Amino acid sequence: MKSQAQLPTPRERYRDVLRRAILDAAREEFVRYGYEGVSMRKLAERVGCSHGNLYLHFKDRAALFDCLFEESYGQFAKALERVPESVKRGDPVKFLRKAGRAYVEFGLANASVYEFVFMLRRPEQKHELSPHFAYDRVRSLVQRCIDEKRFRQVDGDAASQVLWAAAHGITSLLILRPSFSWADRDKLIGQVIDAAVDSLLPA
């Protein structure tokens, strides 16, 4: 428990609240307008702080974007870890189906997070996502399916990339084209994931 001396001061609380407000507003702006469409001056006006105060928190637009990228990356990684151990120890094919659906559902429920991780980039962005933690998890599951003869003797990397491409494809389409007359969403997601998994099963 923190002592009275350790409690944040009103200035520190204001700084933290303002920083969060800047990040939340910037996330919306980047997703809506892309990197080049975001102005630090207009962002300061939207948040209600001075232009100079904004630069006290983030030295430039790139630093602000990178902070949101890292935050989103962490949120996505944490979400992928929320899998009960009982499920991990069970049927790996069944787990792959569940994991695929969970991946898509997280992306749809947290569209701005997903867009920052996979779909938004800024010029000269140095972040490298290969090997990516999501791919690593798929790859280990696919190899387990191959080792346990639940899948055909296929190339593990190619099979993993097929599954990831299927999950990412339906996620990005549903995010970017929400007004399209999609079929029942749950059935659509299930069919995409199942078709990718089923293509790897023994004949």
Protein backbone atom coordinates (compact mmCIF):
# COMPACT_ATOMS: atom_id res chain seq x y z
CA MET A 1 0.00 0.00 0.00
CA LYS A 2 1.39 3.41 -0.93
CA SER A 3 2.15 5.90 1.81
CA GLN A 4 0.83 9.46 1.62
CA ALA A 5 4.25 10.63 0.41
CA GLN A 6 4.14 8.20 -2.50
CA LEU A 7 0.75 9.27 -3.84
CA PRO A 8 0.88 11.16 -7.12
CA THR A 9 0.63 14.93 -6.87
CA PRO A 10 -2.22 16.81 -8.57
CA ARG A 11 0.29 17.91 -11.24
CA GLU A 12 1.33 14.30 -11.85
CA ARG A 13 -2.28 13.15 -12.03
CA TYR A 14 -3.08 15.91 -14.51
CA ARG A 15 -0.04 14.96 -16.59
CA ASP A 16 -1.13 11.30 -16.70
CA VAL A 17 -4.72 12.17 -17.56
CA LEU A 18 -3.58 14.53 -20.31
CA ARG A 19 -1.18 11.97 -21.74
CA ARG A 20 -3.99 9.40 -21.89
CA ALA A 21 -6.31 11.90 -23.54
CA ILE A 22 -3.64 12.66 -26.15
CA LEU A 23 -3.14 8.98 -26.90
CA ASP A 24 -6.86 8.25 -27.15
CA ALA A 25 -7.47 11.19 -29.47
CA ALA A 26 -4.41 10.38 -31.57
CA ARG A 27 -5.48 6.76 -31.97
CA GLU A 28 -8.78 7.88 -33.47
CA GLU A 29 -7.05 10.38 -35.73
CA PHE A 30 -4.45 7.93 -37.06
CA VAL A 31 -7.07 5.26 -37.73
CA ARG A 32 -9.35 7.73 -39.48
CA TYR A 33 -6.86 9.80 -41.47
CA GLY A 34 -3.67 7.71 -41.62
CA TYR A 35 -0.24 8.83 -40.52
CA GLU A 36 0.15 11.67 -43.00
CA GLY A 37 -3.30 13.05 -42.22
CA VAL A 38 -2.61 13.75 -38.54
CA SER A 39 -1.55 17.24 -37.46
CA MET A 40 0.02 17.76 -34.03
CA ARG A 41 -1.44 21.27 -33.87
CA LYS A 42 -4.96 20.08 -34.66
CA LEU A 43 -4.54 17.22 -32.20
CA ALA A 44 -3.63 19.70 -29.46
CA GLU A 45 -6.74 21.72 -30.29
CA ARG A 46 -8.89 18.63 -30.10
CA VAL A 47 -7.49 17.59 -26.72
CA GLY A 48 -7.68 21.14 -25.38
CA CYS A 49 -4.04 21.70 -24.57
CA SER A 50 -1.41 24.01 -25.97
CA HIS A 51 0.75 22.97 -28.88
CA GLY A 52 3.81 23.26 -26.63
CA ASN A 53 2.24 21.11 -23.91
CA LEU A 54 1.60 18.36 -26.43
CA TYR A 55 5.30 18.34 -27.31
CA LEU A 56 6.20 17.95 -23.65
CA HIS A 57 4.58 14.50 -23.83
CA PHE A 58 5.61 13.46 -27.35
CA LYS A 59 8.50 15.02 -29.24
CA ASP A 60 6.87 14.54 -32.63
CA ARG A 61 4.18 12.70 -34.57
CA ALA A 62 6.42 9.66 -35.07
CA ALA A 63 6.97 9.26 -31.32
CA LEU A 64 3.23 9.47 -30.72
CA PHE A 65 2.51 6.89 -33.41
CA ASP A 66 5.23 4.55 -32.10
CA CYS A 67 3.85 4.78 -28.57
CA LEU A 68 0.42 3.72 -29.81
CA PHE A 69 1.97 0.94 -31.86
CA GLU A 70 3.79 -0.47 -28.83
CA GLU A 71 0.68 -0.14 -26.66
CA SER A 72 -1.46 -1.93 -29.24
CA TYR A 73 1.16 -4.64 -29.78
CA GLY A 74 1.20 -5.33 -26.03
CA GLN A 75 -2.59 -5.48 -25.80
CA PHE A 76 -2.80 -7.93 -28.67
CA ALA A 77 -0.04 -10.14 -27.29
CA LYS A 78 -1.72 -10.22 -23.88
CA ALA A 79 -5.05 -11.18 -25.44
CA LEU A 80 -3.48 -14.13 -27.25
CA GLU A 81 -2.11 -15.45 -23.97
CA ARG A 82 -5.58 -15.73 -22.42
CA VAL A 83 -6.09 -19.36 -23.31
CA PRO A 84 -7.00 -21.86 -20.57
CA GLU A 85 -4.30 -24.45 -19.98
CA SER A 86 -6.94 -27.20 -20.25
CA VAL A 87 -7.61 -26.13 -23.83
CA LYS A 88 -3.89 -25.99 -24.66
CA ARG A 89 -3.44 -29.58 -23.50
CA GLY A 90 -6.42 -30.88 -25.47
CA ASP A 91 -7.00 -31.62 -29.13
CA PRO A 92 -4.64 -29.30 -31.07
CA VAL A 93 -6.98 -29.16 -34.08
CA LYS A 94 -9.88 -28.09 -31.90
CA PHE A 95 -7.60 -25.54 -30.25
CA LEU A 96 -6.59 -24.14 -33.62
CA ARG A 97 -10.23 -23.62 -34.55
CA LYS A 98 -10.94 -21.87 -31.24
CA ALA A 99 -7.77 -19.79 -31.48
CA GLY A 100 -8.66 -18.70 -35.02
CA ARG A 101 -12.09 -17.55 -33.97
CA ALA A 102 -10.69 -15.80 -30.88
CA TYR A 103 -8.14 -14.00 -33.06
CA VAL A 104 -10.84 -12.65 -35.36
CA GLU A 105 -13.20 -11.73 -32.53
CA PHE A 106 -10.47 -9.80 -30.71
CA GLY A 107 -9.61 -7.90 -33.87
CA LEU A 108 -13.25 -6.96 -34.46
CA ALA A 109 -13.85 -5.98 -30.84
CA ASN A 110 -10.62 -3.93 -30.77
CA ALA A 111 -10.41 -2.66 -34.32
CA SER A 112 -8.08 0.27 -33.65
CA VAL A 113 -5.67 -1.99 -31.76
CA TYR A 114 -5.70 -4.50 -34.61
CA GLU A 115 -5.18 -1.78 -37.21
CA PHE A 116 -2.14 -0.41 -35.38
CA VAL A 117 -0.57 -3.86 -35.11
CA PHE A 118 -1.22 -5.07 -38.67
CA MET A 119 -2.59 -2.40 -40.95
CA LEU A 120 -1.18 1.04 -40.13
CA ARG A 121 2.40 2.04 -40.85
CA ARG A 122 4.35 5.26 -40.90
CA PRO A 123 7.21 6.16 -43.23
CA GLU A 124 10.54 4.69 -42.09
CA GLN A 125 8.91 2.72 -39.28
CA LYS A 126 11.64 0.51 -37.83
CA HIS A 127 9.48 -2.03 -36.00
CA GLU A 128 10.03 -5.54 -37.28
CA LEU A 129 7.30 -8.08 -36.64
CA SER A 130 9.05 -11.18 -37.94
CA PRO A 131 8.99 -13.64 -36.41
CA HIS A 132 5.72 -12.36 -34.99
CA PHE A 133 4.37 -13.72 -31.70
CA ALA A 134 1.00 -14.55 -33.31
CA TYR A 135 2.68 -16.47 -36.08
CA ASP A 136 4.96 -18.26 -33.62
CA ARG A 137 1.91 -19.51 -31.70
CA VAL A 138 0.22 -20.76 -34.86
CA ARG A 139 3.43 -22.37 -36.05
CA SER A 140 3.92 -24.34 -32.82
CA LEU A 141 0.31 -25.56 -32.92
CA VAL A 142 0.59 -26.59 -36.54
CA GLN A 143 3.77 -28.52 -35.81
CA ARG A 144 2.03 -30.27 -32.94
CA CYS A 145 -0.80 -31.27 -35.29
CA ILE A 146 1.74 -32.62 -37.78
CA ASP A 147 3.70 -34.50 -35.11
CA GLU A 148 0.52 -36.08 -33.72
CA LYS A 149 -0.57 -36.98 -37.28
CA ARG A 150 -3.69 -34.83 -37.01
CA PHE A 151 -2.53 -32.99 -40.15
CA ARG A 152 -1.08 -34.35 -43.35
CA GLN A 153 2.71 -34.21 -43.71
CA VAL A 154 2.70 -30.63 -44.94
CA ASP A 155 5.24 -27.84 -44.81
CA GLY A 156 4.75 -26.32 -41.38
CA ASP A 157 5.51 -22.76 -42.37
CA ALA A 158 3.28 -22.82 -45.44
CA ALA A 159 0.41 -24.35 -43.44
CA SER A 160 0.82 -21.81 -40.64
CA GLN A 161 0.80 -18.94 -43.10
CA VAL A 162 -2.36 -20.25 -44.75
CA LEU A 163 -4.13 -20.27 -41.37
CA TRP A 164 -2.84 -16.82 -40.42
CA ALA A 165 -3.75 -15.41 -43.81
CA ALA A 166 -7.30 -16.74 -43.45
CA ALA A 167 -7.75 -15.22 -39.98
CA HIS A 168 -6.18 -11.91 -40.95
CA GLY A 169 -8.08 -11.75 -44.23
CA ILE A 170 -11.54 -12.06 -42.72
CA THR A 171 -10.62 -9.77 -39.81
CA SER A 172 -9.32 -6.96 -42.01
CA LEU A 173 -12.23 -7.25 -44.46
CA LEU A 174 -14.83 -7.01 -41.70
CA ILE A 175 -13.01 -4.01 -40.21
CA LEU A 176 -12.48 -2.14 -43.47
CA ARG A 177 -15.83 -2.94 -45.09
CA PRO A 178 -18.38 -2.83 -42.24
CA SER A 179 -21.19 -1.61 -44.52
CA PHE A 180 -20.91 -4.52 -46.96
CA SER A 181 -23.86 -6.90 -46.91
CA TRP A 182 -21.99 -9.72 -45.21
CA ALA A 183 -23.63 -13.05 -44.46
CA ASP A 184 -24.17 -13.98 -40.81
CA ARG A 185 -20.90 -12.86 -39.23
CA ASP A 186 -20.39 -15.79 -36.87
CA LYS A 187 -21.09 -18.34 -39.59
CA LEU A 188 -18.82 -16.52 -42.01
CA ILE A 189 -15.91 -16.45 -39.54
CA GLY A 190 -16.46 -20.09 -38.67
CA GLN A 191 -16.51 -21.19 -42.30
CA VAL A 192 -13.31 -19.29 -43.13
CA ILE A 193 -11.41 -20.71 -40.17
CA ASP A 194 -12.80 -24.24 -40.60
CA ALA A 195 -12.03 -24.28 -44.33
CA ALA A 196 -8.40 -23.33 -43.66
CA VAL A 197 -8.01 -25.96 -40.94
CA ASP A 198 -9.90 -28.65 -42.85
CA SER A 199 -7.60 -28.23 -45.85
CA LEU A 200 -4.77 -29.62 -43.71
CA LEU A 201 -6.56 -32.69 -42.35
CA PRO A 202 -5.76 -36.16 -43.73
CA ALA A 203 -7.95 -37.23 -46.63
